[in-house]
Each structure stands twice: as structure tokens, then as C-alpha cells.
Amino acid sequence: MAAPPEITIHNLSGQWFFNKSMSDDMNPLMELQGVPWLVRKAAAMMSVTARLTQTTDAATGTSSIQIETTATGGFKGEDKTYKLDGSETRTENKFGVSHVRAQWLNLSESDQPRSMSPEGGPLDPYLAEDWIEEPCEKLEGKPGYVQVYVVQEGGEGTAEQVFGFCMIDGKRYHVQKTVATKDNKTVKVRAVYEWKGQ
């Protein structure tokens, strides 16, 4: 189901269903990230639901997004928390350790949006295209996208993501786009999520 108008990048809390038919094939991304073949095959057969909880600290004004994923049969996926102040957090799962930073992104700026990589070059155009501009009154004057940068510990792997909303077949969906690089290989994928409700 398409996202209702009251659900914006500043109000993502609720359940989201990963729509495989609208999304790109995630296998090349998982392969690049070193996910074993057997796990990739199992993931391809599962349906995935993500519960997002978005909060704002009253004292600091810093927003956070917590993502809890569940697959077919109640299989628990990886949980993630993004603190949108640019600070680095260390996360660990069965496939390794990552260092993650997240922040708000304004794609309406006149200057070329910047990557969060240490080099700080221009953001990959793939991450900046095809988004819909959300009405300013819904965003309270704040930037309308979330930017995430992930570095795999002990390797060359990085991934940069942008979260927002896109129009697909005339309907509005939450989308997460990723550009991942490792061993001089780059994979670009789009993940589309349908709204399931609170």
C-alpha cells in the first residue's frame, strides 16, 4: 500500500513491507558485502517487514531512526539505529563490524550535495535523482532526506544511502537507495517499501 500523506521523512514510525517486485535485486549488494551464498538464497525466498521508530530528543533536537526487521516465519533480522547528527556509531553483526554515520540531507541546496565519505566529494548522482519534493509545511522547514554512510571494519567496503519518497506507478512509496563499493566494484540498488500501518 502507498504511504499516506501524513507519513513523511520526519514521521516514518510504523511497519513497512519490502516490495521485491518494485525493488532491485538485492543479491549483488549482499554478495559485495560478503554475505554467504546460502544466506543470500534464503533471503531471496523470504518476505521482510521493517518496523521503524522515529524519535526526537527533546533536549538536543536530535532525531533517531530505529529499524527492526522480521522475515518470514518470525526470523529476526538485523536491528539498526541511525542517530541523525553525523556522529559515528559502531555496529556488530554476524557478518562483521561497521562504522555508521547518518544525518539530514537537503537536496534542494543550490550547491552539489556532498558525500559523507572522508574525501567529501559530490554525492553520487544516483542517490540524488528521482525523489519527490515533499511539501515544506510537512517538513517544518527541515531537509527532506536522510543520508547514511557505512564503512566495513577491516576491509575496503563502504555504502552510502539516501532515504526518501518516490512516485512509482502514480503512488508514493518510501525508498532507500544505496551505492556500495568494495574491491573496486560498485553496486547501486533501490529498495521500495510499502506502508503496512502502525
Protein backbone atom coordinates (compact mmCIF):
# COMPACT_ATOMS: atom_id res chain seq x y z
CA MET A 1 0.00 0.00 0.00
CA ALA A 2 1.20 3.51 -0.82
CA ALA A 3 2.37 5.73 2.03
CA PRO A 4 -0.38 8.02 3.39
CA PRO A 5 0.29 11.78 3.16
CA GLU A 6 0.84 12.19 6.89
CA ILE A 7 3.80 9.76 6.76
CA THR A 8 6.89 11.80 5.83
CA ILE A 9 10.64 11.57 6.26
CA HIS A 10 10.10 13.22 9.67
CA ASN A 11 7.42 10.71 10.63
CA LEU A 12 8.43 7.23 9.45
CA SER A 13 7.26 5.33 12.53
CA GLY A 14 5.23 2.25 11.62
CA GLN A 15 5.50 -1.04 9.74
CA TRP A 16 6.90 -1.22 6.22
CA PHE A 17 6.84 -4.22 3.84
CA PHE A 18 9.80 -4.72 1.49
CA ASN A 19 8.32 -4.97 -2.02
CA LYS A 20 10.62 -7.25 -4.03
CA SER A 21 8.87 -6.73 -7.36
CA MET A 22 9.32 -2.94 -7.20
CA SER A 23 12.84 -3.14 -5.76
CA ASP A 24 16.10 -4.01 -7.45
CA ASP A 25 17.68 -7.42 -6.95
CA MET A 26 19.49 -7.25 -3.58
CA ASN A 27 21.72 -10.29 -4.29
CA PRO A 28 24.58 -8.28 -5.91
CA LEU A 29 24.65 -5.95 -2.90
CA MET A 30 24.71 -8.80 -0.38
CA GLU A 31 27.38 -10.61 -2.40
CA LEU A 32 29.55 -7.49 -2.47
CA GLN A 33 29.14 -7.15 1.31
CA GLY A 34 30.36 -10.71 1.86
CA VAL A 35 27.04 -12.33 2.79
CA PRO A 36 27.39 -16.13 2.27
CA TRP A 37 25.60 -17.72 -0.71
CA LEU A 38 23.30 -19.85 1.47
CA VAL A 39 22.13 -16.81 3.42
CA ARG A 40 21.54 -14.90 0.17
CA LYS A 41 19.43 -17.76 -1.22
CA ALA A 42 17.35 -17.91 1.95
CA ALA A 43 16.87 -14.12 1.94
CA ALA A 44 15.61 -14.23 -1.64
CA MET A 45 12.75 -16.54 -0.60
CA MET A 46 11.70 -14.60 2.50
CA SER A 47 9.27 -11.73 2.92
CA VAL A 48 10.63 -8.93 5.06
CA THR A 49 8.83 -6.41 7.25
CA ALA A 50 10.62 -3.48 8.89
CA ARG A 51 9.31 -1.64 11.94
CA LEU A 52 10.61 1.91 12.02
CA THR A 53 10.53 4.02 15.17
CA GLN A 54 11.47 7.66 14.72
CA THR A 55 12.06 9.87 17.74
CA THR A 56 13.47 13.30 18.53
CA ASP A 57 15.39 14.09 21.73
CA ALA A 58 13.58 16.97 23.42
CA ALA A 59 16.78 18.38 24.92
CA THR A 60 19.04 18.30 21.88
CA GLY A 61 16.56 18.21 18.98
CA THR A 62 18.47 15.24 17.51
CA SER A 63 16.34 12.74 15.62
CA SER A 64 16.94 8.98 15.58
CA ILE A 65 15.52 6.19 13.43
CA GLN A 66 15.44 2.64 14.77
CA ILE A 67 14.82 -0.17 12.26
CA GLU A 68 13.82 -3.67 13.38
CA THR A 69 13.40 -6.27 10.64
CA THR A 70 11.47 -9.53 10.71
CA ALA A 71 11.40 -12.12 7.93
CA THR A 72 9.00 -14.94 7.06
CA GLY A 73 8.42 -17.30 9.97
CA GLY A 74 9.31 -14.70 12.57
CA PHE A 75 13.03 -14.84 11.73
CA LYS A 76 14.68 -11.84 13.40
CA GLY A 77 16.83 -9.71 11.13
CA GLU A 78 19.45 -7.12 11.90
CA ASP A 79 18.39 -4.13 14.01
CA LYS A 80 19.81 -0.71 13.17
CA THR A 81 19.70 2.70 14.84
CA TYR A 82 20.61 5.87 12.98
CA LYS A 83 21.31 8.99 15.02
CA LEU A 84 20.88 11.90 12.61
CA ASP A 85 23.60 14.20 13.90
CA GLY A 86 26.57 12.97 11.86
CA SER A 87 28.18 11.19 14.82
CA GLU A 88 29.74 7.76 14.35
CA THR A 89 28.38 4.59 15.90
CA ARG A 90 29.90 1.11 15.84
CA THR A 91 27.61 -1.79 14.97
CA GLU A 92 28.37 -5.51 15.03
CA ASN A 93 26.55 -8.43 13.46
CA LYS A 94 27.32 -11.96 12.29
CA PHE A 95 28.95 -10.63 9.11
CA GLY A 96 31.34 -8.18 10.76
CA VAL A 97 31.72 -4.73 12.28
CA SER A 98 30.64 -1.46 10.67
CA HIS A 99 31.06 2.21 11.47
CA VAL A 100 27.94 4.22 10.67
CA ARG A 101 27.16 7.93 10.41
CA ALA A 102 23.79 9.46 9.49
CA GLN A 103 22.42 12.97 9.02
CA TRP A 104 19.70 15.02 7.38
CA LEU A 105 20.26 15.78 3.70
CA ASN A 106 18.98 18.78 1.75
CA LEU A 107 18.85 18.00 -1.98
CA SER A 108 17.27 21.39 -2.67
CA GLU A 109 20.51 23.24 -1.99
CA SER A 110 21.92 25.16 -4.94
CA ASP A 111 25.33 23.54 -4.46
CA GLN A 112 26.02 19.96 -5.42
CA PRO A 113 25.07 17.73 -2.44
CA ARG A 114 28.13 16.17 -0.81
CA SER A 115 29.03 12.61 0.04
CA MET A 116 29.68 11.72 3.69
CA SER A 117 32.88 9.92 2.67
CA PRO A 118 36.18 11.16 4.16
CA GLU A 119 37.00 12.71 0.78
CA GLY A 120 33.72 14.62 0.86
CA GLY A 121 33.29 14.70 -2.91
CA PRO A 122 29.99 15.16 -4.74
CA LEU A 123 27.17 12.78 -3.86
CA ASP A 124 26.72 10.04 -6.46
CA PRO A 125 24.02 11.33 -8.88
CA TYR A 126 22.11 8.03 -8.49
CA LEU A 127 21.45 8.91 -4.85
CA ALA A 128 20.15 12.37 -5.73
CA GLU A 129 17.72 11.55 -8.55
CA ASP A 130 14.07 10.51 -8.88
CA TRP A 131 12.94 11.73 -5.44
CA ILE A 132 9.76 13.69 -4.95
CA GLU A 133 9.98 17.06 -3.22
CA GLU A 134 7.86 16.88 -0.08
CA PRO A 135 5.76 19.97 0.77
CA CYS A 136 7.70 22.25 3.12
CA GLU A 137 4.86 22.54 5.63
CA LYS A 138 5.07 18.81 6.30
CA LEU A 139 8.83 19.02 6.88
CA GLU A 140 8.72 22.05 9.18
CA GLY A 141 11.43 23.69 7.12
CA LYS A 142 13.89 20.83 7.68
CA PRO A 143 15.76 18.92 4.96
CA GLY A 144 13.66 16.25 3.33
CA TYR A 145 16.01 13.26 3.13
CA VAL A 146 18.19 11.06 5.32
CA GLN A 147 21.80 10.30 4.36
CA VAL A 148 23.72 7.30 5.78
CA TYR A 149 27.37 6.36 5.34
CA VAL A 150 28.71 2.91 6.36
CA VAL A 151 32.30 1.67 6.46
CA GLN A 152 33.09 -2.02 6.97
CA GLU A 153 35.80 -2.50 9.58
CA GLY A 154 38.91 -4.31 8.36
CA GLY A 155 38.01 -4.00 4.69
CA GLU A 156 37.57 -1.59 1.84
CA GLY A 157 33.78 -1.81 1.76
CA THR A 158 31.63 1.31 2.02
CA ALA A 159 27.97 2.05 1.41
CA GLU A 160 26.20 5.39 1.10
CA GLN A 161 22.41 5.57 1.31
CA VAL A 162 19.65 8.12 0.93
CA PHE A 163 16.14 7.62 2.36
CA GLY A 164 13.13 9.46 0.98
CA PHE A 165 9.94 9.04 -1.04
CA CYS A 166 9.41 8.29 -4.74
CA MET A 167 6.39 8.11 -7.04
CA ILE A 168 6.09 4.65 -8.61
CA ASP A 169 3.19 3.89 -10.95
CA GLY A 170 1.50 7.04 -9.69
CA LYS A 171 1.75 6.08 -6.00
CA ARG A 172 4.02 7.34 -3.23
CA TYR A 173 6.41 4.85 -1.58
CA HIS A 174 9.25 5.01 0.93
CA VAL A 175 12.53 4.25 -0.85
CA GLN A 176 16.07 3.59 0.32
CA LYS A 177 18.77 3.90 -2.36
CA THR A 178 22.27 2.51 -1.85
CA VAL A 179 25.63 2.86 -3.59
CA ALA A 180 28.07 0.26 -2.23
CA THR A 181 31.73 -0.09 -3.17
CA LYS A 182 34.28 -2.79 -2.38
CA ASP A 183 37.39 -4.08 -4.15
CA ASN A 184 36.90 -1.52 -6.95
CA LYS A 185 33.38 -2.85 -7.61
CA THR A 186 30.26 -0.71 -7.23
CA VAL A 187 26.64 -1.81 -6.84
CA LYS A 188 23.65 0.54 -6.98
CA VAL A 189 20.25 -0.65 -5.74
CA ARG A 190 16.83 0.73 -4.88
CA ALA A 191 14.72 -0.80 -2.09
CA VAL A 192 10.98 0.03 -2.11
CA TYR A 193 8.80 -0.24 0.98
CA GLU A 194 5.01 -0.38 1.20
CA TRP A 195 3.16 1.08 4.18
CA LYS A 196 1.54 -1.54 6.44
CA GLY A 197 0.31 0.77 9.19
CA GLN A 198 1.12 1.29 12.84
